[in-house]
N, C-alpha and C. Protein backbone atom coordinates (compact mmCIF):
# COMPACT_ATOMS: atom_id res chain seq x y z
N UNK A 1 -6.60 -93.47 -129.66
CA UNK A 1 -7.51 -92.71 -129.53
C UNK A 1 -8.45 -93.16 -128.35
N UNK A 2 -8.41 -92.41 -127.48
CA UNK A 2 -9.03 -92.84 -126.05
C UNK A 2 -10.59 -92.16 -126.09
N UNK A 3 -11.41 -93.27 -126.02
CA UNK A 3 -13.00 -92.55 -125.61
C UNK A 3 -12.89 -92.11 -124.36
N UNK A 4 -13.77 -90.99 -123.82
CA UNK A 4 -14.15 -90.74 -122.40
C UNK A 4 -14.90 -92.18 -122.04
N UNK A 5 -14.66 -92.17 -120.80
CA UNK A 5 -15.69 -93.14 -119.89
C UNK A 5 -16.95 -92.68 -119.84
N UNK A 6 -17.87 -93.33 -120.22
CA UNK A 6 -19.32 -92.67 -120.20
C UNK A 6 -19.73 -93.82 -118.79
N UNK A 7 -20.77 -93.01 -118.16
CA UNK A 7 -21.22 -93.45 -116.78
C UNK A 7 -22.71 -93.91 -117.27
N UNK A 8 -22.88 -95.22 -117.00
CA UNK A 8 -24.17 -95.90 -117.48
C UNK A 8 -25.06 -95.04 -116.03
N UNK A 9 -26.24 -94.87 -116.61
CA UNK A 9 -27.15 -93.89 -115.94
C UNK A 9 -27.77 -95.57 -114.78
N UNK A 10 -27.68 -94.96 -113.60
CA UNK A 10 -28.01 -96.21 -112.79
C UNK A 10 -29.89 -96.39 -112.68
N UNK A 11 -29.98 -97.37 -112.87
CA UNK A 11 -31.68 -97.96 -113.07
C UNK A 11 -32.33 -97.93 -112.01
N UNK A 12 -33.72 -97.60 -112.42
CA UNK A 12 -34.62 -97.31 -111.41
C UNK A 12 -36.11 -97.94 -111.68
N UNK A 13 -36.78 -98.08 -110.68
CA UNK A 13 -37.84 -99.22 -110.63
C UNK A 13 -38.49 -99.92 -109.20
N UNK A 14 -39.27 -100.51 -109.70
CA UNK A 14 -39.95 -101.10 -108.38
C UNK A 14 -38.86 -102.26 -108.10
N UNK A 15 -38.83 -102.58 -106.80
CA UNK A 15 -38.18 -103.69 -106.38
C UNK A 15 -39.16 -104.87 -106.09
N UNK A 16 -39.07 -106.17 -105.91
CA UNK A 16 -39.73 -107.25 -105.58
C UNK A 16 -40.41 -106.79 -104.22
N UNK A 17 -39.27 -106.80 -103.44
CA UNK A 17 -40.24 -106.02 -102.25
C UNK A 17 -41.47 -105.11 -101.98
N UNK A 18 -40.75 -104.05 -103.04
CA UNK A 18 -41.64 -103.12 -103.19
C UNK A 18 -42.74 -103.32 -103.35
N UNK A 19 -42.84 -104.46 -104.55
CA UNK A 19 -44.02 -104.77 -105.16
C UNK A 19 -44.83 -105.92 -104.31
N UNK A 20 -44.51 -106.60 -103.73
CA UNK A 20 -45.11 -107.14 -102.44
C UNK A 20 -45.91 -106.37 -101.51
N UNK A 21 -45.12 -105.49 -101.30
CA UNK A 21 -45.79 -104.22 -100.26
C UNK A 21 -47.02 -103.68 -100.75
N UNK A 22 -46.60 -103.43 -102.39
CA UNK A 22 -47.81 -102.85 -102.77
C UNK A 22 -49.20 -103.60 -102.90
N UNK A 23 -48.55 -105.04 -103.22
CA UNK A 23 -49.74 -105.97 -103.13
C UNK A 23 -50.44 -106.13 -101.78
N UNK A 24 -49.80 -106.56 -101.18
CA UNK A 24 -50.42 -106.74 -99.61
C UNK A 24 -51.48 -105.49 -99.27
N UNK A 25 -51.07 -103.89 -99.53
CA UNK A 25 -51.88 -103.12 -99.23
C UNK A 25 -53.08 -102.87 -100.00
N UNK A 26 -52.75 -103.13 -101.31
CA UNK A 26 -54.14 -103.44 -102.16
C UNK A 26 -55.28 -104.39 -102.07
N UNK A 27 -54.29 -105.51 -101.55
CA UNK A 27 -55.39 -106.38 -101.03
C UNK A 27 -55.61 -106.47 -99.66
N UNK A 28 -55.52 -105.87 -98.83
CA UNK A 28 -56.14 -105.62 -97.88
C UNK A 28 -57.24 -104.39 -98.00
N UNK A 29 -57.17 -103.60 -98.74
CA UNK A 29 -57.95 -102.29 -99.26
C UNK A 29 -59.29 -103.03 -99.94
N UNK A 30 -59.09 -103.98 -100.42
CA UNK A 30 -59.98 -104.61 -101.33
C UNK A 30 -60.94 -105.30 -100.37
N UNK A 31 -60.10 -106.05 -99.15
CA UNK A 31 -60.92 -107.01 -98.36
C UNK A 31 -61.64 -106.11 -97.69
N UNK A 32 -61.24 -104.83 -97.24
CA UNK A 32 -62.24 -104.11 -96.25
C UNK A 32 -63.37 -103.59 -97.24
N UNK A 33 -62.82 -103.33 -98.60
CA UNK A 33 -64.04 -102.58 -99.13
C UNK A 33 -65.13 -103.90 -99.32
N UNK A 34 -64.99 -105.09 -99.41
CA UNK A 34 -65.59 -106.14 -100.00
C UNK A 34 -66.64 -106.73 -98.58
N UNK A 35 -65.81 -106.36 -97.26
CA UNK A 35 -66.58 -106.47 -96.04
C UNK A 35 -67.49 -105.47 -95.75
N UNK A 36 -67.13 -104.21 -96.11
CA UNK A 36 -67.86 -103.19 -95.83
C UNK A 36 -68.97 -102.81 -96.75
N UNK A 37 -68.85 -103.41 -97.83
CA UNK A 37 -69.96 -103.24 -99.10
C UNK A 37 -71.46 -103.55 -98.26
N UNK A 38 -71.54 -104.64 -97.93
CA UNK A 38 -72.96 -105.10 -98.02
C UNK A 38 -73.61 -104.13 -96.72
N UNK A 39 -73.37 -103.57 -95.68
CA UNK A 39 -73.53 -102.76 -94.57
C UNK A 39 -73.97 -101.67 -95.51
N UNK A 40 -73.20 -100.81 -96.26
CA UNK A 40 -73.34 -99.55 -97.01
C UNK A 40 -74.46 -99.78 -98.23
N UNK A 41 -74.54 -101.18 -98.62
CA UNK A 41 -75.85 -101.52 -99.32
C UNK A 41 -76.89 -101.65 -98.89
N UNK A 42 -77.06 -101.92 -97.67
CA UNK A 42 -78.03 -102.02 -96.52
C UNK A 42 -78.43 -100.70 -96.44
N UNK A 43 -77.62 -99.66 -96.34
CA UNK A 43 -78.03 -98.15 -95.67
C UNK A 43 -78.70 -97.91 -96.80
N UNK A 44 -78.09 -97.98 -98.07
CA UNK A 44 -78.67 -97.17 -98.95
C UNK A 44 -79.96 -97.77 -99.56
N UNK A 45 -80.21 -98.97 -99.35
CA UNK A 45 -81.36 -99.62 -99.48
C UNK A 45 -82.80 -98.92 -98.33
N UNK A 46 -82.11 -98.85 -97.32
CA UNK A 46 -83.22 -98.55 -96.29
C UNK A 46 -83.52 -96.89 -96.52
N UNK A 47 -82.32 -96.34 -96.92
CA UNK A 47 -82.61 -94.78 -96.81
C UNK A 47 -84.10 -94.70 -98.14
N UNK A 48 -83.71 -95.25 -99.16
CA UNK A 48 -84.68 -95.24 -100.56
C UNK A 48 -85.78 -95.69 -100.07
N UNK A 49 -86.03 -96.65 -99.28
CA UNK A 49 -87.14 -97.45 -98.63
C UNK A 49 -87.99 -96.51 -97.98
N UNK A 50 -87.25 -95.78 -97.06
CA UNK A 50 -88.30 -94.76 -96.12
C UNK A 50 -88.43 -93.86 -97.28
N UNK A 51 -87.85 -93.16 -98.01
CA UNK A 51 -88.12 -91.77 -98.83
C UNK A 51 -89.34 -92.19 -99.77
N UNK A 52 -89.00 -93.39 -100.06
CA UNK A 52 -90.60 -94.06 -100.92
C UNK A 52 -91.88 -94.00 -100.41
N UNK A 53 -91.58 -94.21 -98.94
CA UNK A 53 -92.86 -94.98 -98.29
C UNK A 53 -93.30 -93.22 -97.83
N UNK A 54 -92.11 -92.16 -97.29
CA UNK A 54 -92.63 -90.98 -97.41
C UNK A 54 -93.31 -90.44 -98.21
N UNK A 55 -92.67 -90.51 -99.76
CA UNK A 55 -93.54 -89.69 -100.94
C UNK A 55 -95.04 -90.17 -101.38
N UNK A 56 -95.34 -91.46 -100.63
CA UNK A 56 -96.88 -91.75 -100.51
C UNK A 56 -97.76 -91.43 -99.51
N UNK A 57 -97.09 -90.50 -98.71
CA UNK A 57 -97.69 -89.30 -97.85
C UNK A 57 -98.84 -90.23 -97.02
N UNK A 58 -97.83 -90.99 -96.14
CA UNK A 58 -98.70 -91.84 -95.23
C UNK A 58 -99.87 -90.99 -94.31
N UNK A 59 -100.71 -91.65 -93.65
CA UNK A 59 -101.31 -90.79 -92.78
C UNK A 59 -101.03 -91.04 -91.16
N UNK A 60 -100.61 -92.16 -90.97
CA UNK A 60 -100.03 -92.46 -89.33
C UNK A 60 -98.85 -93.08 -89.37
N UNK A 61 -98.34 -92.61 -88.37
CA UNK A 61 -96.81 -93.40 -87.99
C UNK A 61 -96.75 -95.33 -87.86
N UNK A 62 -97.96 -95.52 -87.67
CA UNK A 62 -98.17 -97.05 -87.82
C UNK A 62 -98.12 -97.63 -89.46
N UNK A 63 -98.90 -96.88 -90.17
CA UNK A 63 -98.58 -97.10 -91.73
C UNK A 63 -97.54 -97.16 -91.96
N UNK A 64 -96.66 -96.00 -91.74
CA UNK A 64 -95.12 -95.86 -91.97
C UNK A 64 -94.40 -97.08 -91.38
N UNK A 65 -94.60 -97.66 -90.37
CA UNK A 65 -93.61 -98.70 -89.80
C UNK A 65 -94.24 -99.68 -90.57
N UNK A 66 -95.42 -100.17 -90.89
CA UNK A 66 -96.13 -101.18 -91.69
C UNK A 66 -95.57 -101.25 -92.83
N UNK A 67 -95.47 -100.21 -93.81
CA UNK A 67 -94.95 -100.26 -94.95
C UNK A 67 -93.54 -100.62 -94.92
N UNK A 68 -93.02 -100.12 -93.87
CA UNK A 68 -91.50 -100.46 -94.17
C UNK A 68 -91.06 -102.23 -93.77
N UNK A 69 -92.20 -102.52 -92.74
CA UNK A 69 -92.07 -103.55 -92.48
C UNK A 69 -92.14 -104.61 -93.90
N UNK A 70 -93.37 -104.19 -94.31
CA UNK A 70 -93.54 -105.10 -95.74
C UNK A 70 -92.17 -105.06 -96.71
N UNK A 71 -91.92 -103.68 -96.90
CA UNK A 71 -90.69 -103.27 -97.94
C UNK A 71 -89.47 -104.31 -97.25
N UNK A 72 -89.06 -104.52 -96.03
CA UNK A 72 -88.14 -104.85 -95.79
C UNK A 72 -88.17 -106.52 -95.81
N UNK A 73 -89.77 -107.37 -95.94
CA UNK A 73 -89.85 -108.37 -96.48
C UNK A 73 -89.30 -108.60 -97.63
N UNK A 74 -89.95 -107.91 -98.80
CA UNK A 74 -89.41 -107.84 -100.11
C UNK A 74 -87.83 -107.98 -100.24
N UNK A 75 -87.17 -106.67 -99.69
CA UNK A 75 -86.01 -106.53 -99.75
C UNK A 75 -85.08 -106.94 -99.08
N UNK A 76 -84.42 -108.30 -99.87
CA UNK A 76 -83.65 -109.03 -98.89
C UNK A 76 -82.36 -108.46 -98.07
N UNK A 77 -82.04 -107.13 -98.82
CA UNK A 77 -80.97 -106.42 -98.11
C UNK A 77 -81.39 -106.07 -96.76
N UNK A 78 -82.55 -105.47 -96.35
CA UNK A 78 -82.69 -105.20 -95.18
C UNK A 78 -83.20 -105.98 -93.96
N UNK A 79 -82.13 -106.42 -92.96
CA UNK A 79 -82.21 -107.15 -91.94
C UNK A 79 -81.92 -106.77 -90.35
N UNK A 80 -81.25 -105.11 -90.66
CA UNK A 80 -80.71 -104.39 -89.30
C UNK A 80 -81.70 -103.66 -88.32
N UNK A 81 -82.52 -103.36 -89.16
CA UNK A 81 -83.55 -102.47 -88.90
C UNK A 81 -85.36 -103.00 -89.02
N UNK A 82 -86.21 -102.60 -88.28
CA UNK A 82 -86.97 -102.93 -88.77
C UNK A 82 -88.13 -101.77 -88.47
N UNK A 83 -89.62 -101.75 -88.50
CA UNK A 83 -90.23 -100.66 -88.75
C UNK A 83 -90.42 -99.92 -87.36
N UNK A 84 -90.13 -101.12 -86.30
CA UNK A 84 -90.50 -100.34 -84.94
C UNK A 84 -89.30 -99.40 -84.52
N UNK A 85 -88.13 -99.63 -85.16
CA UNK A 85 -86.94 -99.02 -84.93
C UNK A 85 -87.14 -97.33 -85.71
N UNK A 86 -87.81 -97.06 -86.54
CA UNK A 86 -88.09 -95.83 -87.26
C UNK A 86 -88.59 -94.38 -86.33
N UNK A 87 -88.10 -94.06 -85.96
CA UNK A 87 -88.82 -92.52 -85.02
C UNK A 87 -89.90 -91.62 -86.10
N UNK A 88 -90.92 -91.51 -85.55
CA UNK A 88 -91.94 -91.00 -86.54
C UNK A 88 -92.00 -89.75 -85.65
N UNK A 89 -92.12 -88.67 -86.36
CA UNK A 89 -92.61 -87.18 -85.51
C UNK A 89 -93.87 -86.38 -86.65
N UNK A 90 -94.76 -86.05 -85.94
CA UNK A 90 -95.75 -85.19 -86.64
C UNK A 90 -94.84 -83.94 -87.00
N UNK A 91 -94.94 -83.54 -88.23
CA UNK A 91 -94.21 -82.08 -88.83
C UNK A 91 -95.37 -81.68 -89.83
N UNK A 92 -96.54 -80.42 -89.02
CA UNK A 92 -97.41 -79.74 -89.99
C UNK A 92 -98.27 -80.63 -90.06
N UNK A 93 -98.54 -80.67 -91.27
CA UNK A 93 -99.52 -81.69 -91.96
C UNK A 93 -99.19 -83.24 -92.42
N UNK A 94 -97.73 -83.61 -92.21
CA UNK A 94 -97.36 -84.88 -92.45
C UNK A 94 -96.46 -85.14 -91.09
N UNK A 95 -95.47 -86.30 -91.86
CA UNK A 95 -94.45 -86.92 -90.92
C UNK A 95 -93.22 -86.68 -91.34
N UNK A 96 -92.31 -86.62 -90.29
CA UNK A 96 -90.90 -86.68 -90.52
C UNK A 96 -90.48 -88.16 -89.65
N UNK A 97 -89.51 -88.82 -90.52
CA UNK A 97 -89.33 -90.06 -90.32
C UNK A 97 -87.52 -90.29 -90.23
N UNK A 98 -87.30 -90.33 -89.17
CA UNK A 98 -85.73 -90.92 -89.41
C UNK A 98 -85.29 -91.84 -88.63
N UNK A 99 -84.28 -92.66 -88.78
CA UNK A 99 -83.66 -93.88 -88.67
C UNK A 99 -82.25 -93.44 -87.86
N UNK A 100 -81.54 -94.29 -87.01
CA UNK A 100 -80.10 -94.62 -86.79
C UNK A 100 -79.73 -95.87 -86.02
N UNK A 101 -78.97 -96.27 -87.09
CA UNK A 101 -78.22 -97.82 -86.30
C UNK A 101 -76.39 -97.76 -86.40
N UNK A 102 -76.03 -98.91 -85.88
CA UNK A 102 -74.71 -98.97 -86.00
C UNK A 102 -74.70 -100.32 -86.51
N UNK A 103 -73.52 -100.68 -87.20
CA UNK A 103 -73.38 -101.84 -87.97
C UNK A 103 -71.56 -102.05 -87.37
N UNK A 104 -71.21 -103.09 -86.54
CA UNK A 104 -69.79 -103.73 -86.71
C UNK A 104 -69.21 -104.59 -87.86
N UNK A 105 -68.60 -104.25 -88.36
CA UNK A 105 -67.76 -105.41 -89.67
C UNK A 105 -66.49 -105.84 -89.18
N UNK A 106 -66.60 -106.91 -89.11
CA UNK A 106 -65.30 -107.57 -88.65
C UNK A 106 -64.00 -107.52 -89.56
N UNK A 107 -62.97 -107.19 -89.08
CA UNK A 107 -61.73 -107.08 -89.64
C UNK A 107 -61.08 -108.31 -89.60
N UNK A 108 -60.59 -108.50 -88.17
CA UNK A 108 -59.70 -109.74 -87.32
C UNK A 108 -60.70 -109.90 -86.65
N UNK A 109 -61.26 -111.25 -86.77
CA UNK A 109 -62.07 -111.56 -85.48
C UNK A 109 -61.10 -112.29 -84.31
N UNK A 110 -61.28 -112.45 -83.21
CA UNK A 110 -62.59 -111.89 -82.78
C UNK A 110 -62.38 -110.62 -82.14
N UNK A 111 -61.61 -109.74 -82.40
CA UNK A 111 -60.97 -108.45 -81.56
C UNK A 111 -61.11 -107.60 -82.43
N UNK A 112 -61.25 -107.35 -83.44
CA UNK A 112 -60.78 -105.95 -84.47
C UNK A 112 -61.93 -105.79 -85.31
N UNK A 113 -62.50 -104.72 -85.20
CA UNK A 113 -63.93 -104.34 -85.35
C UNK A 113 -63.93 -102.96 -86.15
N UNK A 114 -64.75 -102.63 -87.42
CA UNK A 114 -64.64 -101.51 -87.93
C UNK A 114 -66.20 -101.09 -87.41
N UNK A 115 -66.35 -100.24 -86.81
CA UNK A 115 -67.61 -99.44 -86.47
C UNK A 115 -68.16 -98.55 -87.32
N UNK A 116 -69.52 -99.02 -88.09
CA UNK A 116 -70.24 -98.08 -89.15
C UNK A 116 -71.44 -97.56 -88.66
N UNK A 117 -71.67 -95.99 -88.27
CA UNK A 117 -73.01 -95.65 -87.69
C UNK A 117 -73.35 -94.79 -88.67
N UNK A 118 -74.86 -95.33 -89.38
CA UNK A 118 -75.81 -94.78 -90.15
C UNK A 118 -77.03 -94.16 -89.44
N UNK A 119 -77.44 -93.15 -90.39
CA UNK A 119 -78.58 -92.24 -89.87
C UNK A 119 -79.24 -91.98 -91.26
N UNK A 120 -80.42 -91.49 -91.47
CA UNK A 120 -81.16 -90.85 -92.37
C UNK A 120 -82.40 -90.50 -91.74
N UNK A 121 -83.15 -89.23 -92.49
CA UNK A 121 -84.20 -88.50 -92.33
C UNK A 121 -85.09 -88.57 -93.80
N UNK A 122 -86.46 -88.42 -93.49
CA UNK A 122 -87.19 -88.19 -94.57
C UNK A 122 -88.17 -87.56 -94.42
N UNK A 123 -89.23 -86.76 -94.87
CA UNK A 123 -90.17 -86.20 -94.80
C UNK A 123 -91.20 -86.37 -95.72
N UNK A 124 -92.75 -86.24 -95.12
CA UNK A 124 -93.71 -86.66 -96.58
C UNK A 124 -93.85 -85.31 -97.23
N UNK A 125 -94.47 -85.36 -98.24
CA UNK A 125 -94.46 -84.03 -99.23
C UNK A 125 -95.09 -82.61 -98.38
N UNK A 126 -96.17 -83.34 -97.50
CA UNK A 126 -96.79 -81.81 -96.94
C UNK A 126 -96.63 -81.48 -95.84
N UNK A 127 -95.07 -82.18 -95.38
CA UNK A 127 -94.93 -81.58 -93.91
C UNK A 127 -94.27 -80.10 -93.94
N UNK A 128 -94.47 -79.64 -93.00
CA UNK A 128 -93.91 -78.28 -92.89
C UNK A 128 -93.10 -78.16 -91.76
N UNK A 129 -91.60 -77.83 -91.79
CA UNK A 129 -90.70 -77.95 -91.41
C UNK A 129 -90.38 -76.81 -89.97
N UNK A 130 -91.33 -75.74 -90.44
CA UNK A 130 -90.88 -74.46 -89.51
C UNK A 130 -90.78 -74.65 -87.98
N UNK A 131 -91.56 -75.20 -87.18
CA UNK A 131 -91.48 -75.90 -85.42
C UNK A 131 -90.74 -77.00 -85.20
N UNK A 132 -90.19 -77.99 -86.41
CA UNK A 132 -89.87 -79.05 -85.92
C UNK A 132 -88.47 -79.20 -86.04
């Protein structure tokens, strides 16, 4: 009695080379995330600080800038901009405050950087934005 020959199914799976390539890609993405995180954290802190200041319904541009400078003294993560970098415009009975700044994150120093551009706007509660 002769048994028909069976073909063994070919094995499938990742090779060592494939696994090393995946590890390199994941490592690079984690490195970029670790380098970008402080800049994004600072932006979120600035945005929250400006929104909190505008919620107080400040009475003048100088007061807004002063509040921001005092906030940045307390918040350890704010160091890129200061109160004088805020653009404050009258808006009805209140103010509209905006900011914009760039951060260069080094990838491979000294020649490769990622440029991050951040901006934000907040208005005081009694600001009427019809004509602004």
